[in-house]
């Protein structure tokens, strides 16, 4: 039996049922559907469409259903196409006469949209909190030894020495932008669609603003057609996760490189590596490889939804059911990556000697020598050419770069640029990679992180206040 049997003479074909049912994946949204239903019941009371006694029965039945789901004992009915129908069916079983009033002035269209907004709203905050935890871990690992350094790369070629703390915090800065995007997406989606009905509202005297406030939304919808057809907020969430996934993929790629014998800068703990089914000597950085690979999944899920949305006429279309699986999949997998990478970085052992030797590559001092020339009054482009010529001579002749520099009258006075750690120490401009600049950057980052924690705390307070209302 379906919710629309009165219109039809034949039951739904099995093939259509199998195509249509979404309960196998949308049942995880039960909490949010019940939150929306509770607000709807209270709104019906305020509109004079339910008595207080009827509302008490319905709210009690919803509490029973929530408990059944929480305890894992809820039994799906044969006609439960989705989580929304399942909950209404069970409420009606518990309170037959009053349960039939639960869907008054409501369509599955605005019900589903409300459930999804409630779910995404909470999920974005949870993701932001996990991203911040990873960012804080990166900074914490870097700050364990503020004197560690390694080569920084451009084009995957050694470029200049950088502090390990500076390098890891570069990733942390990217993650703070991800957090900001997640929270901004949450702010934009915080509009209630409940009360929009199927597409045109209702003739019954409900107040969407009342239910919006009960659920902690900033406001109610302005246009009922837009309210039921809008999935911009899902697309934004998927974009935020996709870009976050790209950042996590870059971190994974780096860990893969650093832990190879060719680089040798670091080793992952045994708990975050795997072996080989054939080769006894192998220790594989699978956690990093999977973090790298998941980005393709996140990008694919975003693309999938955008293609679904691109040609839909107003207002609601069943195509919109395809918003759930990509979103739920991306959320589940990005949580796995975030938690695993956090543990992986905590397990890392850095091989300082190997990294320092690589960072002591004499060619990395080339820019320092050119800038010393600039300080003496030589135009930069001319200084660049002079030092570049010395590099070329060293490469062609096979002679050590310091030896070539020592033989050039204009450059021989700058041989101290090759002293251990000299090039790193010279990077002192704001936001630079050297030890002089690092404390200012660290202070700035910790201030930004504290502000993000404050914002997350305020959202937790607002959510608690909403749930208590």
Protein backbone atom coordinates (compact mmCIF):
# COMPACT_ATOMS: atom_id res chain seq x y z
CA UNK A 1 0.00 0.00 0.00
CA UNK A 2 1.25 3.50 -0.89
CA UNK A 3 0.23 6.96 0.22
CA UNK A 4 -1.54 7.62 -3.08
CA UNK A 5 -3.58 4.41 -3.57
CA UNK A 6 -6.83 6.33 -3.88
CA UNK A 7 -5.87 7.55 -7.35
CA UNK A 8 -4.74 4.20 -8.82
CA UNK A 9 -6.40 0.93 -9.76
CA UNK A 10 -3.20 -1.15 -10.02
CA UNK A 11 -0.29 -1.68 -7.67
CA UNK A 12 3.14 -0.36 -8.55
CA UNK A 13 5.11 -2.74 -10.78
CA UNK A 14 7.99 -4.53 -9.05
CA UNK A 15 10.48 -3.07 -11.50
CA UNK A 16 9.30 0.47 -10.76
CA UNK A 17 9.35 -0.24 -7.04
CA UNK A 18 12.97 -1.39 -7.22
CA UNK A 19 13.86 1.70 -9.23
CA UNK A 20 11.94 4.07 -6.96
CA UNK A 21 12.68 2.88 -3.44
CA UNK A 22 15.21 4.93 -1.51
CA UNK A 23 14.79 3.48 1.98
CA UNK A 24 17.96 1.36 1.71
CA UNK A 25 20.04 4.53 1.74
CA UNK A 26 17.82 7.33 3.06
CA UNK A 27 16.84 5.51 6.27
CA UNK A 28 19.92 7.10 7.88
CA UNK A 29 18.02 10.42 7.74
CA UNK A 30 15.38 9.24 10.22
CA UNK A 31 16.44 11.65 12.98
CA UNK A 32 16.05 14.68 10.73
CA UNK A 33 12.70 13.60 9.33
CA UNK A 34 11.44 13.20 12.89
CA UNK A 35 12.79 16.66 13.84
CA UNK A 36 10.86 18.13 10.92
CA UNK A 37 7.72 16.18 11.80
CA UNK A 38 7.80 17.36 15.40
CA UNK A 39 8.00 20.96 14.27
CA UNK A 40 5.21 20.33 11.76
CA UNK A 41 2.95 18.93 14.50
CA UNK A 42 3.53 21.98 16.68
CA UNK A 43 2.84 24.22 13.70
CA UNK A 44 -0.46 22.44 13.07
CA UNK A 45 -1.46 23.08 16.69
CA UNK A 46 -0.68 26.78 16.36
CA UNK A 47 -2.73 26.87 13.15
CA UNK A 48 -5.70 25.28 14.92
CA UNK A 49 -5.51 22.15 12.77
CA UNK A 50 -4.62 19.83 15.67
CA UNK A 51 -5.70 19.86 19.28
CA UNK A 52 -3.15 19.77 22.07
CA UNK A 53 -4.25 16.23 22.92
CA UNK A 54 -3.81 15.07 19.33
CA UNK A 55 -0.39 16.70 19.16
CA UNK A 56 0.64 14.95 22.36
CA UNK A 57 -0.27 11.60 20.83
CA UNK A 58 1.60 12.33 17.62
CA UNK A 59 4.69 13.59 19.42
CA UNK A 60 4.62 10.54 21.66
CA UNK A 61 4.40 8.26 18.63
CA UNK A 62 7.31 10.09 16.98
CA UNK A 63 9.34 9.57 20.16
CA UNK A 64 8.59 5.84 19.99
CA UNK A 65 9.70 5.69 16.35
CA UNK A 66 12.89 7.60 17.14
CA UNK A 67 13.65 5.17 19.95
CA UNK A 68 13.06 2.18 17.66
CA UNK A 69 15.54 3.54 15.15
CA UNK A 70 18.07 4.47 17.83
CA UNK A 71 17.91 0.93 19.25
CA UNK A 72 18.03 -0.67 15.79
CA UNK A 73 14.68 -2.43 16.19
CA UNK A 74 12.57 -0.48 13.69
CA UNK A 75 10.97 -2.86 11.19
CA UNK A 76 10.49 -1.63 7.66
CA UNK A 77 7.04 -2.22 6.20
CA UNK A 78 6.54 -3.73 2.77
CA UNK A 79 5.18 -0.43 1.45
CA UNK A 80 7.87 1.80 2.96
CA UNK A 81 9.35 3.31 -0.18
CA UNK A 82 11.47 5.81 1.73
CA UNK A 83 12.22 6.92 5.28
CA UNK A 84 9.45 9.52 5.20
CA UNK A 85 6.74 6.99 4.32
CA UNK A 86 8.17 4.53 6.84
CA UNK A 87 7.89 6.99 9.71
CA UNK A 88 4.39 8.13 8.81
CA UNK A 89 3.25 4.53 8.40
CA UNK A 90 4.62 3.58 11.82
CA UNK A 91 3.14 6.66 13.52
CA UNK A 92 -0.23 5.81 12.02
CA UNK A 93 0.07 2.24 13.35
CA UNK A 94 0.74 3.60 16.82
CA UNK A 95 -2.05 6.23 16.70
CA UNK A 96 -4.41 5.21 13.88
CA UNK A 97 -6.88 8.10 13.93
CA UNK A 98 -4.50 10.90 14.84
CA UNK A 99 -1.67 9.49 12.74
CA UNK A 100 -3.73 10.09 9.63
CA UNK A 101 -3.47 13.84 10.39
CA UNK A 102 0.33 13.94 10.49
CA UNK A 103 0.67 14.83 6.82
CA UNK A 104 -1.87 17.68 6.94
CA UNK A 105 -0.64 20.72 4.98
CA UNK A 106 2.53 18.90 4.02
CA UNK A 107 3.84 17.17 0.90
CA UNK A 108 6.69 14.74 0.62
CA UNK A 109 8.27 17.46 -1.52
CA UNK A 110 8.68 20.01 1.27
CA UNK A 111 9.15 17.22 3.81
CA UNK A 112 12.13 15.76 1.93
CA UNK A 113 13.65 19.18 1.31
CA UNK A 114 13.35 20.00 5.02
CA UNK A 115 14.89 16.71 6.08
CA UNK A 116 17.80 17.21 3.69
CA UNK A 117 18.48 20.76 4.87
CA UNK A 118 18.46 19.66 8.49
CA UNK A 119 20.86 16.81 7.71
CA UNK A 120 23.23 18.90 5.61
CA UNK A 121 23.18 21.70 8.18
CA UNK A 122 24.43 19.39 10.93
CA UNK A 123 26.78 17.50 8.64
CA UNK A 124 28.64 20.59 7.48
CA UNK A 125 29.34 21.56 11.09
CA UNK A 126 30.56 18.05 11.89
CA UNK A 127 32.84 18.08 8.85
CA UNK A 128 34.17 21.52 9.75
CA UNK A 129 35.03 20.25 13.22
CA UNK A 130 36.89 17.24 11.79
CA UNK A 131 38.76 19.41 9.29
CA UNK A 132 39.83 21.74 12.08
CA UNK A 133 41.07 18.76 14.10
CA UNK A 134 43.23 17.66 11.16
CA UNK A 135 44.55 21.19 10.63
CA UNK A 136 45.44 21.46 14.32
CA UNK A 137 47.20 18.10 14.12
CA UNK A 138 49.32 19.28 11.19
CA UNK A 139 50.40 22.39 13.08
CA UNK A 140 50.99 20.41 16.26
CA UNK A 141 53.24 17.91 14.44
CA UNK A 142 55.19 20.74 12.83
CA UNK A 143 55.66 22.52 16.14
CA UNK A 144 57.05 19.45 17.89
CA UNK A 145 60.49 20.42 16.58
CA UNK A 146 60.46 23.96 15.15
CA UNK A 147 64.01 23.55 13.79
CA UNK A 148 63.21 20.70 11.40
CA UNK A 149 63.50 21.61 7.77
CA UNK A 150 63.47 20.06 4.32
CA UNK A 151 63.54 21.19 0.68
CA UNK A 152 60.49 22.98 -0.63
CA UNK A 153 59.58 22.15 -4.21
CA UNK A 154 58.19 23.79 -7.30
CA UNK A 155 57.54 21.61 -10.36
CA UNK A 156 58.64 18.76 -8.04
CA UNK A 157 62.17 20.16 -8.31
CA UNK A 158 64.07 21.33 -5.24
CA UNK A 159 63.54 25.07 -4.88
CA UNK A 160 64.29 26.48 -1.41
CA UNK A 161 64.62 25.12 2.12
CA UNK A 162 61.53 25.44 4.33
CA UNK A 163 60.74 24.65 7.93
CA UNK A 164 58.69 21.49 8.32
CA UNK A 165 56.30 23.53 10.46
CA UNK A 166 55.92 26.04 7.63
CA UNK A 167 55.27 23.25 5.13
CA UNK A 168 52.63 21.46 7.21
CA UNK A 169 50.95 24.73 8.12
CA UNK A 170 50.59 25.49 4.41
CA UNK A 171 48.19 22.55 4.32
CA UNK A 172 46.52 23.80 7.51
CA UNK A 173 45.85 27.18 5.90
CA UNK A 174 44.13 25.45 2.97
CA UNK A 175 42.02 23.49 5.44
CA UNK A 176 40.93 26.68 7.21
CA UNK A 177 39.52 27.88 3.89
CA UNK A 178 37.66 24.58 3.61
CA UNK A 179 36.19 25.16 7.06
CA UNK A 180 35.11 28.65 6.13
CA UNK A 181 33.43 27.34 2.97
CA UNK A 182 31.59 24.65 4.93
CA UNK A 183 30.30 27.18 7.45
CA UNK A 184 29.31 29.67 4.76
CA UNK A 185 27.41 26.93 2.92
CA UNK A 186 25.65 26.16 6.17
CA UNK A 187 24.69 29.81 6.57
CA UNK A 188 23.20 29.96 3.07
CA UNK A 189 21.17 26.76 3.39
CA UNK A 190 19.61 27.71 6.73
CA UNK A 191 16.20 28.46 5.19
CA UNK A 192 13.21 26.26 5.95
CA UNK A 193 11.17 24.84 3.03
CA UNK A 194 8.51 23.35 5.33
CA UNK A 195 5.09 24.68 4.39
CA UNK A 196 5.79 24.95 0.67
CA UNK A 197 3.66 21.86 0.08
CA UNK A 198 3.94 20.07 -3.22
CA UNK A 199 4.90 23.30 -5.01
CA UNK A 200 2.29 26.01 -4.40
CA UNK A 201 1.74 26.09 -0.66
CA UNK A 202 -1.60 25.24 0.94
CA UNK A 203 -5.02 26.76 1.59
CA UNK A 204 -4.73 25.79 5.26
CA UNK A 205 -3.69 28.46 7.73
CA UNK A 206 -0.19 27.29 8.64
CA UNK A 207 2.71 29.65 9.39
CA UNK A 208 6.02 28.48 7.83
CA UNK A 209 7.86 31.07 9.90
CA UNK A 210 6.78 29.35 13.10
CA UNK A 211 8.09 25.93 12.11
CA UNK A 212 11.25 27.51 10.72
CA UNK A 213 11.97 29.04 14.12
CA UNK A 214 11.20 25.77 15.91
CA UNK A 215 13.84 24.00 13.80
CA UNK A 216 16.45 26.72 14.24
CA UNK A 217 16.31 28.01 10.68
CA UNK A 218 17.10 31.67 10.11
CA UNK A 219 13.90 32.17 8.13
CA UNK A 220 11.28 30.42 6.03
CA UNK A 221 11.23 30.18 2.25
CA UNK A 222 10.07 33.10 0.13
CA UNK A 223 8.91 31.13 -2.92
CA UNK A 224 7.23 27.75 -2.58
CA UNK A 225 8.33 26.47 -6.01
CA UNK A 226 11.95 27.33 -5.33
CA UNK A 227 11.70 25.81 -1.86
CA UNK A 228 10.83 22.30 -3.07
CA UNK A 229 13.06 22.27 -6.17
CA UNK A 230 16.22 23.87 -4.77
CA UNK A 231 19.17 21.55 -4.28
CA UNK A 232 21.84 24.24 -4.53
CA UNK A 233 22.72 23.53 -0.93
CA UNK A 234 23.49 19.87 -1.75
CA UNK A 235 25.59 20.90 -4.73
CA UNK A 236 27.47 23.40 -2.56
CA UNK A 237 28.11 20.76 0.08
CA UNK A 238 29.39 18.38 -2.58
CA UNK A 239 31.63 21.10 -4.00
CA UNK A 240 32.99 21.89 -0.55
CA UNK A 241 33.76 18.21 0.00
CA UNK A 242 35.28 17.87 -3.48
CA UNK A 243 37.67 20.78 -2.95
CA UNK A 244 38.47 19.53 0.54
CA UNK A 245 39.13 16.16 -1.06
CA UNK A 246 41.55 17.78 -3.50
CA UNK A 247 43.45 19.26 -0.57
CA UNK A 248 43.50 15.90 1.19
CA UNK A 249 44.67 14.26 -2.03
CA UNK A 250 47.62 16.67 -2.23
CA UNK A 251 48.54 15.76 1.33
CA UNK A 252 48.28 12.07 0.46
CA UNK A 253 50.47 12.49 -2.61
CA UNK A 254 53.09 14.23 -0.50
CA UNK A 255 53.10 11.48 2.12
CA UNK A 256 53.47 8.91 -0.65
CA UNK A 257 56.54 10.75 -1.96
CA UNK A 258 58.10 11.48 1.42
CA UNK A 259 57.86 7.85 2.53
CA UNK A 260 59.53 6.38 -0.58
CA UNK A 261 63.15 5.24 -0.44
CA UNK A 262 63.87 7.81 -3.15
CA UNK A 263 62.86 10.71 -0.86
CA UNK A 264 63.20 9.07 2.53
CA UNK A 265 62.01 12.11 4.48
CA UNK A 266 59.54 10.22 6.64
CA UNK A 267 58.04 6.89 7.65
CA UNK A 268 54.45 6.18 8.62
CA UNK A 269 53.68 4.15 11.72
CA UNK A 270 52.93 0.48 11.20
CA UNK A 271 49.29 1.03 12.20
CA UNK A 272 48.83 3.27 9.15
CA UNK A 273 50.63 1.15 6.57
CA UNK A 274 50.10 -2.21 4.90
CA UNK A 275 52.33 -4.98 3.64
CA UNK A 276 52.43 -6.95 0.43
CA UNK A 277 50.79 -10.30 -0.19
CA UNK A 278 53.92 -11.32 -2.12
CA UNK A 279 56.88 -9.09 -1.25
CA UNK A 280 57.99 -9.52 2.38
CA UNK A 281 59.97 -6.26 2.51
CA UNK A 282 57.14 -3.93 1.54
CA UNK A 283 55.65 -1.24 3.79
CA UNK A 284 53.04 0.59 1.77
CA UNK A 285 51.53 4.00 2.53
CA UNK A 286 48.00 2.89 1.65
CA UNK A 287 46.37 5.51 3.88
CA UNK A 288 47.93 8.23 1.76
CA UNK A 289 47.11 6.50 -1.51
CA UNK A 290 43.47 6.08 -0.57
CA UNK A 291 43.28 9.71 0.53
CA UNK A 292 44.64 10.62 -2.89
CA UNK A 293 42.19 8.35 -4.71
CA UNK A 294 39.01 9.45 -2.92
CA UNK A 295 39.21 12.89 -4.53
CA UNK A 296 38.05 11.33 -7.78
CA UNK A 297 35.01 9.94 -6.01
CA UNK A 298 34.13 13.33 -4.49
CA UNK A 299 34.50 15.12 -7.81
CA UNK A 300 32.39 12.44 -9.50
CA UNK A 301 29.60 12.80 -6.95
CA UNK A 302 29.52 16.57 -7.47
CA UNK A 303 29.45 16.14 -11.24
CA UNK A 304 26.68 13.54 -10.95
CA UNK A 305 24.37 15.91 -9.10
CA UNK A 306 25.10 18.89 -11.32
CA UNK A 307 24.18 16.84 -14.38
CA UNK A 308 20.92 15.78 -12.69
CA UNK A 309 20.03 19.39 -11.90
CA UNK A 310 21.01 21.04 -15.16
CA UNK A 311 17.83 20.38 -17.16
CA UNK A 312 15.05 20.14 -14.59
CA UNK A 313 11.93 22.24 -15.14
CA UNK A 314 10.29 23.78 -12.08
CA UNK A 315 9.37 22.60 -9.67
CA UNK A 316 9.90 19.23 -7.98
CA UNK A 317 10.94 16.25 -10.13
CA UNK A 318 11.73 12.73 -8.96
CA UNK A 319 15.21 13.20 -10.40
CA UNK A 320 15.96 15.07 -7.18
CA UNK A 321 15.99 11.75 -5.33
CA UNK A 322 19.44 11.36 -6.89
CA UNK A 323 20.82 14.01 -4.53
CA UNK A 324 21.03 11.64 -1.57
CA UNK A 325 23.35 8.83 -2.59
CA UNK A 326 26.15 11.12 -3.87
CA UNK A 327 25.92 13.28 -0.76
CA UNK A 328 25.78 10.42 1.72
CA UNK A 329 28.64 8.69 -0.07
CA UNK A 330 30.83 11.79 -0.10
CA UNK A 331 30.16 12.53 3.55
CA UNK A 332 30.90 8.98 4.65
CA UNK A 333 34.13 8.78 2.68
CA UNK A 334 35.51 12.20 3.51
CA UNK A 335 35.00 11.45 7.22
CA UNK A 336 37.02 8.25 6.76
CA UNK A 337 39.83 10.15 5.03
CA UNK A 338 39.91 12.97 7.58
CA UNK A 339 40.09 10.63 10.55
CA UNK A 340 42.66 8.33 8.94
CA UNK A 341 44.95 11.16 7.85
CA UNK A 342 44.84 12.68 11.30
CA UNK A 343 46.06 9.42 12.77
CA UNK A 344 48.62 8.98 10.00
CA UNK A 345 50.26 12.34 10.65
CA UNK A 346 50.41 11.60 14.37
CA UNK A 347 52.23 8.35 13.53
CA UNK A 348 54.84 9.91 11.22
CA UNK A 349 58.55 9.68 12.01
CA UNK A 350 60.55 12.37 10.19
CA UNK A 351 64.07 11.55 9.12
CA UNK A 352 65.75 14.86 9.87
CA UNK A 353 69.21 13.97 8.58
CA UNK A 354 67.92 12.87 5.16
CA UNK A 355 65.77 15.98 4.82
CA UNK A 356 68.58 18.31 5.89
CA UNK A 357 71.01 16.78 3.40
CA UNK A 358 68.47 17.27 0.62
CA UNK A 359 67.88 20.86 1.74
CA UNK A 360 71.65 21.49 1.74
CA UNK A 361 71.75 21.16 -2.06
CA UNK A 362 74.11 24.06 -2.97
CA UNK A 363 71.94 25.14 -5.89
CA UNK A 364 69.22 26.13 -3.40
CA UNK A 365 71.46 29.04 -2.37
CA UNK A 366 71.31 30.57 -5.87
CA UNK A 367 68.48 32.98 -5.07
CA UNK A 368 70.21 34.06 -1.85
CA UNK A 369 73.33 35.04 -3.80
CA UNK A 370 71.22 36.93 -6.33
CA UNK A 371 69.43 38.79 -3.55
CA UNK A 372 72.74 39.64 -1.90
CA UNK A 373 73.72 41.24 -5.20
CA UNK A 374 70.48 43.19 -5.16
CA UNK A 375 71.31 44.47 -1.67
CA UNK A 376 74.60 45.75 -3.07
CA UNK A 377 72.75 47.73 -5.74
CA UNK A 378 72.68 45.34 -8.69
CA UNK A 379 69.31 45.25 -10.54
CA UNK A 380 67.57 41.95 -9.90
CA UNK A 381 67.33 40.82 -13.51
CA UNK A 382 71.08 41.35 -13.96
CA UNK A 383 71.78 39.56 -10.67
CA UNK A 384 69.56 36.69 -11.82
CA UNK A 385 71.50 36.38 -15.06
CA UNK A 386 74.86 36.45 -13.30
CA UNK A 387 73.95 33.70 -10.83
CA UNK A 388 72.15 31.72 -13.53
CA UNK A 389 75.29 31.81 -15.59
CA UNK A 390 77.24 30.40 -12.65
CA UNK A 391 74.68 27.61 -12.24
CA UNK A 392 74.97 26.80 -15.95
CA UNK A 393 78.74 26.65 -15.72
CA UNK A 394 78.54 24.32 -12.73
CA UNK A 395 76.09 21.99 -14.51
CA UNK A 396 78.06 21.93 -17.78
CA UNK A 397 81.44 21.45 -16.20
CA UNK A 398 80.38 19.14 -13.42
CA UNK A 399 82.17 21.31 -10.89
CA UNK A 400 80.57 22.06 -7.50
CA UNK A 401 78.49 25.21 -7.49
CA UNK A 402 80.35 26.74 -4.50
CA UNK A 403 83.62 26.29 -6.34
CA UNK A 404 82.33 28.14 -9.39
CA UNK A 405 80.96 30.97 -7.21
CA UNK A 406 84.32 31.30 -5.45
CA UNK A 407 86.02 31.99 -8.80
CA UNK A 408 83.68 34.83 -9.90
CA UNK A 409 84.89 38.18 -8.54
CA UNK A 410 81.41 39.70 -8.26
CA UNK A 411 80.09 36.64 -6.38
CA UNK A 412 82.94 35.19 -4.37
CA UNK A 413 82.15 37.31 -1.30
CA UNK A 414 78.84 35.50 -0.87
CA UNK A 415 80.22 32.03 -0.16
CA UNK A 416 78.68 32.08 3.31
CA UNK A 417 75.33 31.47 1.61
CA UNK A 418 76.40 27.81 1.46
CA UNK A 419 76.78 27.51 5.24
CA UNK A 420 74.50 24.94 6.85
CA UNK A 421 71.01 26.39 7.28
CA UNK A 422 72.01 29.82 5.92
CA UNK A 423 69.47 29.85 3.10
CA UNK A 424 66.68 28.85 5.49
CA UNK A 425 67.59 31.54 8.01
CA UNK A 426 67.61 34.20 5.31
CA UNK A 427 63.90 33.69 4.53
CA UNK A 428 62.61 36.34 6.93
CA UNK A 429 59.85 38.28 5.12
CA UNK A 430 56.28 38.11 6.43
CA UNK A 431 54.80 34.64 5.92
CA UNK A 432 58.16 33.27 4.74
CA UNK A 433 59.61 29.84 5.45
CA UNK A 434 62.43 30.76 7.83
CA UNK A 435 62.70 30.65 11.64
CA UNK A 436 62.56 34.45 12.00
CA UNK A 437 59.20 34.69 10.22
CA UNK A 438 57.68 31.52 11.64
CA UNK A 439 56.55 32.77 15.10
CA UNK A 440 54.40 35.51 13.56
CA UNK A 441 52.75 33.04 11.22
CA UNK A 442 52.19 30.56 14.04
CA UNK A 443 50.56 33.25 16.17
CA UNK A 444 48.30 34.25 13.27
CA UNK A 445 47.28 30.67 12.56
CA UNK A 446 46.45 29.91 16.17
CA UNK A 447 44.35 33.07 16.32
CA UNK A 448 42.44 32.00 13.20
CA UNK A 449 41.97 28.48 14.61
CA UNK A 450 40.64 29.91 17.87
CA UNK A 451 38.12 32.01 15.92
CA UNK A 452 36.98 28.93 14.01
CA UNK A 453 36.56 27.03 17.28
CA UNK A 454 34.49 29.93 18.59
CA UNK A 455 32.25 29.90 15.52
CA UNK A 456 31.75 26.15 15.84
CA UNK A 457 30.95 26.54 19.53
CA UNK A 458 28.31 29.15 18.77
CA UNK A 459 26.69 26.84 16.24
CA UNK A 460 26.64 24.04 18.82
CA UNK A 461 24.93 26.40 21.26
CA UNK A 462 22.35 27.40 18.65
CA UNK A 463 21.66 23.77 17.82
CA UNK A 464 21.18 22.88 21.48
CA UNK A 465 18.81 25.81 21.97
CA UNK A 466 16.82 24.73 18.90
CA UNK A 467 16.54 21.13 20.09
CA UNK A 468 15.35 22.25 23.52
CA UNK A 469 12.62 24.39 21.96
